[in-house]
Amino acid sequence: MSEIASEDMGPWLSPEDLEFVRRKVPMVYVDIVPVRTDESGQVESIGLLLEAQDDGISRALVTGRVLFHETVREAIVRHLEKDLGPVALPQLSPSIQPFTIAEYFPTPGSGKYDERQHAVSLCYIVPVMGECGPAADTLEVTWFTPGEVRTPELQAEMNESHAQILRQALGQMGEL
């Protein structure tokens, strides 16, 4: 397989090689629920992305692959900066721990679904302190109260896998 080394990001696979690997081994991802908190750490708002996909526009969590030779911490920061902008200022604790692990399968009806691959995603709730705005392929970053993200109407704007993870995050934050 051909790999192209990037000084900042580590090795990348060609699109063809990535497709081949995705069909053969599980890929590691991070799913991130960005939050804004008050001084006491109480969640005031939850950030969701508005993205254009092949099947329309939907809301999403910050998500992406962990690259070869990249730490999970580095992947979280990279994806937050990619989707929320370079001054999002994520506040990661010294000991990061996922609140859940999501498994995506390429088989419809098998729980969380990703037609491209079998993926294992470590899911985090991350406070952000800086200015956030749409970056990369994101159309908009919208901040919702915990009550707003609990509504079936808002969750219907997300793919079911991300809506499930969001509900788990709400439970972890004591917001269900």
C-alpha atoms as a PDB file:
ATOM      1  CA  MET A   1       0.000   0.000   0.000  1.00  0.00           C
ATOM      2  CA  SER A   2       1.242   3.439  -0.790  1.00  0.00           C
ATOM      3  CA  GLU A   3       1.438   5.982   1.997  1.00  0.00           C
ATOM      4  CA  ILE A   4       2.200   9.665   1.765  1.00  0.00           C
ATOM      5  CA  ALA A   5       3.797  11.161   4.876  1.00  0.00           C
ATOM      6  CA  SER A   6       2.603  14.560   6.004  1.00  0.00           C
ATOM      7  CA  GLU A   7       4.718  16.415   8.571  1.00  0.00           C
ATOM      8  CA  ASP A   8       1.640  17.630  10.487  1.00  0.00           C
ATOM      9  CA  MET A   9      -0.782  14.756  10.194  1.00  0.00           C
ATOM     10  CA  GLY A  10       1.273  11.598   9.923  1.00  0.00           C
ATOM     11  CA  PRO A  11       0.907   9.033   7.155  1.00  0.00           C
ATOM     12  CA  TRP A  12      -2.154   9.090   4.939  1.00  0.00           C
ATOM     13  CA  LEU A  13      -3.507   6.270   2.836  1.00  0.00           C
ATOM     14  CA  SER A  14      -4.498   6.832  -0.752  1.00  0.00           C
ATOM     15  CA  PRO A  15      -8.294   6.743  -1.288  1.00  0.00           C
ATOM     16  CA  GLU A  16      -7.951   3.309  -2.892  1.00  0.00           C
ATOM     17  CA  ASP A  17      -5.840   1.930  -0.042  1.00  0.00           C
ATOM     18  CA  LEU A  18      -8.209   3.398   2.559  1.00  0.00           C
ATOM     19  CA  GLU A  19     -11.186   1.721   0.878  1.00  0.00           C
ATOM     20  CA  PHE A  20      -9.292  -1.608   0.824  1.00  0.00           C
ATOM     21  CA  VAL A  21      -8.334  -1.368   4.521  1.00  0.00           C
ATOM     22  CA  ARG A  22     -11.870  -0.351   5.519  1.00  0.00           C
ATOM     23  CA  ARG A  23     -13.151  -3.604   3.998  1.00  0.00           C
ATOM     24  CA  LYS A  24     -10.597  -5.691   5.941  1.00  0.00           C
ATOM     25  CA  VAL A  25     -10.121  -4.258   9.470  1.00  0.00           C
ATOM     26  CA  PRO A  26     -12.027  -2.049  11.914  1.00  0.00           C
ATOM     27  CA  MET A  27     -11.050   1.619  11.860  1.00  0.00           C
ATOM     28  CA  VAL A  28     -10.648   3.733  15.016  1.00  0.00           C
ATOM     29  CA  TYR A  29     -12.662   6.961  15.260  1.00  0.00           C
ATOM     30  CA  VAL A  30     -13.593   9.610  17.798  1.00  0.00           C
ATOM     31  CA  ASP A  31     -17.123  11.018  18.174  1.00  0.00           C
ATOM     32  CA  ILE A  32     -17.135  14.289  20.108  1.00  0.00           C
ATOM     33  CA  VAL A  33     -19.972  16.171  21.800  1.00  0.00           C
ATOM     34  CA  PRO A  34     -18.711  19.761  22.211  1.00  0.00           C
ATOM     35  CA  VAL A  35     -20.238  21.616  25.157  1.00  0.00           C
ATOM     36  CA  ARG A  36     -20.149  25.050  26.731  1.00  0.00           C
ATOM     37  CA  THR A  37     -20.239  25.110  30.518  1.00  0.00           C
ATOM     38  CA  ASP A  38     -20.671  27.711  33.245  1.00  0.00           C
ATOM     39  CA  GLU A  39     -18.047  28.377  35.948  1.00  0.00           C
ATOM     40  CA  SER A  40     -19.258  25.406  38.012  1.00  0.00           C
ATOM     41  CA  GLY A  41     -18.996  22.977  35.076  1.00  0.00           C
ATOM     42  CA  GLN A  42     -22.766  22.787  34.445  1.00  0.00           C
ATOM     43  CA  VAL A  43     -23.549  22.266  30.747  1.00  0.00           C
ATOM     44  CA  GLU A  44     -25.212  25.336  29.257  1.00  0.00           C
ATOM     45  CA  SER A  45     -25.190  24.355  25.588  1.00  0.00           C
ATOM     46  CA  ILE A  46     -24.253  21.560  23.213  1.00  0.00           C
ATOM     47  CA  GLY A  47     -22.766  22.212  19.788  1.00  0.00           C
ATOM     48  CA  LEU A  48     -24.037  20.379  16.730  1.00  0.00           C
ATOM     49  CA  LEU A  49     -22.784  20.695  13.178  1.00  0.00           C
ATOM     50  CA  LEU A  50     -24.983  21.307  10.173  1.00  0.00           C
ATOM     51  CA  GLU A  51     -23.541  19.375   7.238  1.00  0.00           C
ATOM     52  CA  ALA A  52     -24.453  18.641   3.644  1.00  0.00           C
ATOM     53  CA  GLN A  53     -24.355  14.916   2.875  1.00  0.00           C
ATOM     54  CA  ASP A  54     -25.219  12.990  -0.280  1.00  0.00           C
ATOM     55  CA  ASP A  55     -28.702  12.355   1.125  1.00  0.00           C
ATOM     56  CA  GLY A  56     -29.357  15.946   2.261  1.00  0.00           C
ATOM     57  CA  ILE A  57     -28.562  18.308   5.100  1.00  0.00           C
ATOM     58  CA  SER A  58     -28.322  16.948   8.635  1.00  0.00           C
ATOM     59  CA  ARG A  59     -27.027  17.713  12.114  1.00  0.00           C
ATOM     60  CA  ALA A  60     -23.987  15.822  13.329  1.00  0.00           C
ATOM     61  CA  LEU A  61     -21.451  15.397  16.077  1.00  0.00           C
ATOM     62  CA  VAL A  62     -17.799  16.204  15.521  1.00  0.00           C
ATOM     63  CA  THR A  63     -16.305  12.946  14.292  1.00  0.00           C
ATOM     64  CA  GLY A  64     -13.349  11.517  12.441  1.00  0.00           C
ATOM     65  CA  ARG A  65     -10.631   8.901  12.177  1.00  0.00           C
ATOM     66  CA  VAL A  66      -7.629   8.535  14.431  1.00  0.00           C
ATOM     67  CA  LEU A  67      -4.618   8.600  12.124  1.00  0.00           C
ATOM     68  CA  PHE A  68      -1.676   6.244  12.209  1.00  0.00           C
ATOM     69  CA  HIS A  69       0.792   7.387  14.896  1.00  0.00           C
ATOM     70  CA  GLU A  70      -1.659   9.985  16.242  1.00  0.00           C
ATOM     71  CA  THR A  71      -2.769   9.899  19.868  1.00  0.00           C
ATOM     72  CA  VAL A  72      -6.481   9.944  20.665  1.00  0.00           C
ATOM     73  CA  ARG A  73      -5.933  13.334  22.354  1.00  0.00           C
ATOM     74  CA  GLU A  74      -4.371  14.711  19.162  1.00  0.00           C
ATOM     75  CA  ALA A  75      -7.247  13.317  17.083  1.00  0.00           C
ATOM     76  CA  ILE A  76      -9.843  14.983  19.334  1.00  0.00           C
ATOM     77  CA  VAL A  77      -8.117  18.368  19.081  1.00  0.00           C
ATOM     78  CA  ARG A  78      -7.578  18.027  15.315  1.00  0.00           C
ATOM     79  CA  HIS A  79     -11.225  17.185  14.612  1.00  0.00           C
ATOM     80  CA  LEU A  80     -12.547  19.934  16.896  1.00  0.00           C
ATOM     81  CA  GLU A  81     -10.302  22.474  15.153  1.00  0.00           C
ATOM     82  CA  LYS A  82     -11.268  21.094  11.726  1.00  0.00           C
ATOM     83  CA  ASP A  83     -15.015  21.430  12.369  1.00  0.00           C
ATOM     84  CA  LEU A  84     -15.253  24.303  14.886  1.00  0.00           C
ATOM     85  CA  GLY A  85     -12.280  26.404  13.810  1.00  0.00           C
ATOM     86  CA  PRO A  86      -8.714  26.913  15.038  1.00  0.00           C
ATOM     87  CA  VAL A  87      -9.678  28.908  18.157  1.00  0.00           C
ATOM     88  CA  ALA A  88     -12.298  26.544  19.604  1.00  0.00           C
ATOM     89  CA  LEU A  89      -9.944  26.000  22.567  1.00  0.00           C
ATOM     90  CA  PRO A  90     -10.985  22.506  23.687  1.00  0.00           C
ATOM     91  CA  GLN A  91     -10.490  21.859  27.410  1.00  0.00           C
ATOM     92  CA  LEU A  92      -9.273  18.273  27.718  1.00  0.00           C
ATOM     93  CA  SER A  93      -8.618  16.859  31.166  1.00  0.00           C
ATOM     94  CA  PRO A  94      -5.177  15.340  31.836  1.00  0.00           C
ATOM     95  CA  SER A  95      -6.798  11.893  31.879  1.00  0.00           C
ATOM     96  CA  ILE A  96      -9.268  11.649  29.004  1.00  0.00           C
ATOM     97  CA  GLN A  97     -11.796   8.837  29.146  1.00  0.00           C
ATOM     98  CA  PRO A  98     -14.599   8.095  26.695  1.00  0.00           C
ATOM     99  CA  PHE A  99     -18.128   8.126  28.102  1.00  0.00           C
ATOM    100  CA  THR A 100     -18.989   5.251  25.763  1.00  0.00           C
ATOM    101  CA  ILE A 101     -17.641   3.255  22.847  1.00  0.00           C
ATOM    102  CA  ALA A 102     -19.723   3.071  19.682  1.00  0.00           C
ATOM    103  CA  GLU A 103     -19.370   0.241  17.188  1.00  0.00           C
ATOM    104  CA  TYR A 104     -20.446   0.874  13.604  1.00  0.00           C
ATOM    105  CA  PHE A 105     -21.031  -1.999  11.192  1.00  0.00           C
ATOM    106  CA  PRO A 106     -21.417  -2.054   7.394  1.00  0.00           C
ATOM    107  CA  THR A 107     -24.517  -4.235   7.712  1.00  0.00           C
ATOM    108  CA  PRO A 108     -27.907  -2.461   7.779  1.00  0.00           C
ATOM    109  CA  GLY A 109     -29.948  -3.277  10.881  1.00  0.00           C
ATOM    110  CA  SER A 110     -26.901  -4.199  12.966  1.00  0.00           C
ATOM    111  CA  GLY A 111     -27.027  -1.260  15.390  1.00  0.00           C
ATOM    112  CA  LYS A 112     -24.961   1.755  14.424  1.00  0.00           C
ATOM    113  CA  TYR A 113     -24.481   1.703  10.664  1.00  0.00           C
ATOM    114  CA  ASP A 114     -21.664   2.904   8.400  1.00  0.00           C
ATOM    115  CA  GLU A 115     -21.936   1.497   4.900  1.00  0.00           C
ATOM    116  CA  ARG A 116     -18.194   2.017   4.296  1.00  0.00           C
ATOM    117  CA  GLN A 117     -16.697   0.039   7.142  1.00  0.00           C
ATOM    118  CA  HIS A 118     -16.591  -1.579  10.544  1.00  0.00           C
ATOM    119  CA  ALA A 119     -15.511   1.223  12.896  1.00  0.00           C
ATOM    120  CA  VAL A 120     -14.951   1.522  16.608  1.00  0.00           C
ATOM    121  CA  SER A 121     -15.473   5.030  17.934  1.00  0.00           C
ATOM    122  CA  LEU A 122     -14.383   6.381  21.292  1.00  0.00           C
ATOM    123  CA  CYS A 123     -16.971   8.979  22.369  1.00  0.00           C
ATOM    124  CA  TYR A 124     -16.076  12.090  24.375  1.00  0.00           C
ATOM    125  CA  ILE A 125     -17.799  15.118  25.867  1.00  0.00           C
ATOM    126  CA  VAL A 126     -15.411  18.058  25.492  1.00  0.00           C
ATOM    127  CA  PRO A 127     -15.886  21.584  26.842  1.00  0.00           C
ATOM    128  CA  VAL A 128     -14.772  24.293  24.404  1.00  0.00           C
ATOM    129  CA  MET A 129     -13.974  27.830  25.532  1.00  0.00           C
ATOM    130  CA  GLY A 130     -13.103  29.725  22.351  1.00  0.00           C
ATOM    131  CA  GLU A 131     -14.900  31.147  19.365  1.00  0.00           C
ATOM    132  CA  CYS A 132     -16.473  28.468  17.212  1.00  0.00           C
ATOM    133  CA  GLY A 133     -17.656  28.771  13.659  1.00  0.00           C
ATOM    134  CA  PRO A 134     -18.106  26.566  10.634  1.00  0.00           C
ATOM    135  CA  ALA A 135     -14.884  25.228   9.198  1.00  0.00           C
ATOM    136  CA  ALA A 136     -13.939  22.563   6.645  1.00  0.00           C
ATOM    137  CA  ASP A 137     -17.159  21.003   5.280  1.00  0.00           C
ATOM    138  CA  THR A 138     -19.361  22.312   8.098  1.00  0.00           C
ATOM    139  CA  LEU A 139     -22.161  24.674   7.002  1.00  0.00           C
ATOM    140  CA  GLU A 140     -22.996  25.896  10.494  1.00  0.00           C
ATOM    141  CA  VAL A 141     -22.249  25.291  14.171  1.00  0.00           C
ATOM    142  CA  THR A 142     -25.347  25.721  16.335  1.00  0.00           C
ATOM    143  CA  TRP A 143     -25.448  25.707  20.135  1.00  0.00           C
ATOM    144  CA  PHE A 144     -28.536  24.182  21.710  1.00  0.00           C
ATOM    145  CA  THR A 145     -29.604  23.934  25.336  1.00  0.00           C
ATOM    146  CA  PRO A 146     -29.750  20.412  26.783  1.00  0.00           C
ATOM    147  CA  GLY A 147     -33.560  20.692  26.673  1.00  0.00           C
ATOM    148  CA  GLU A 148     -33.499  21.520  22.951  1.00  0.00           C
ATOM    149  CA  VAL A 149     -31.263  18.568  22.039  1.00  0.00           C
ATOM    150  CA  ARG A 150     -33.555  16.193  23.952  1.00  0.00           C
ATOM    151  CA  THR A 151     -36.441  16.924  21.579  1.00  0.00           C
ATOM    152  CA  PRO A 152     -37.357  14.226  19.049  1.00  0.00           C
ATOM    153  CA  GLU A 153     -37.600  16.933  16.363  1.00  0.00           C
ATOM    154  CA  LEU A 154     -33.954  17.959  16.729  1.00  0.00           C
ATOM    155  CA  GLN A 155     -32.733  14.374  17.037  1.00  0.00           C
ATOM    156  CA  ALA A 156     -34.653  13.529  13.846  1.00  0.00           C
ATOM    157  CA  GLU A 157     -32.309  15.954  12.041  1.00  0.00           C
ATOM    158  CA  MET A 158     -29.386  13.634  12.895  1.00  0.00           C
ATOM    159  CA  ASN A 159     -28.513  10.168  11.667  1.00  0.00           C
ATOM    160  CA  GLU A 160     -29.721   7.618  14.202  1.00  0.00           C
ATOM    161  CA  SER A 161     -26.192   6.605  15.259  1.00  0.00           C
ATOM    162  CA  HIS A 162     -25.266  10.170  16.258  1.00  0.00           C
ATOM    163  CA  ALA A 163     -28.663  10.672  17.915  1.00  0.00           C
ATOM    164  CA  GLN A 164     -28.030   7.548  20.045  1.00  0.00           C
ATOM    165  CA  ILE A 165     -24.596   8.806  21.070  1.00  0.00           C
ATOM    166  CA  LEU A 166     -26.062  12.229  21.885  1.00  0.00           C
ATOM    167  CA  ARG A 167     -28.690  10.610  24.125  1.00  0.00           C
ATOM    168  CA  GLN A 168     -25.951   8.660  25.910  1.00  0.00           C
ATOM    169  CA  ALA A 169     -23.981  11.893  26.382  1.00  0.00           C
ATOM    170  CA  LEU A 170     -27.061  13.595  27.841  1.00  0.00           C
ATOM    171  CA  GLY A 171     -27.425  10.737  30.302  1.00  0.00           C
ATOM    172  CA  GLN A 172     -23.741  10.962  31.231  1.00  0.00           C
ATOM    173  CA  MET A 173     -24.131  14.702  31.872  1.00  0.00           C
ATOM    174  CA  GLY A 174     -27.266  14.146  33.977  1.00  0.00           C
ATOM    175  CA  GLU A 175     -29.394  15.930  31.390  1.00  0.00           C
ATOM    176  CA  LEU A 176     -31.928  13.227  30.448  1.00  0.00           C
END
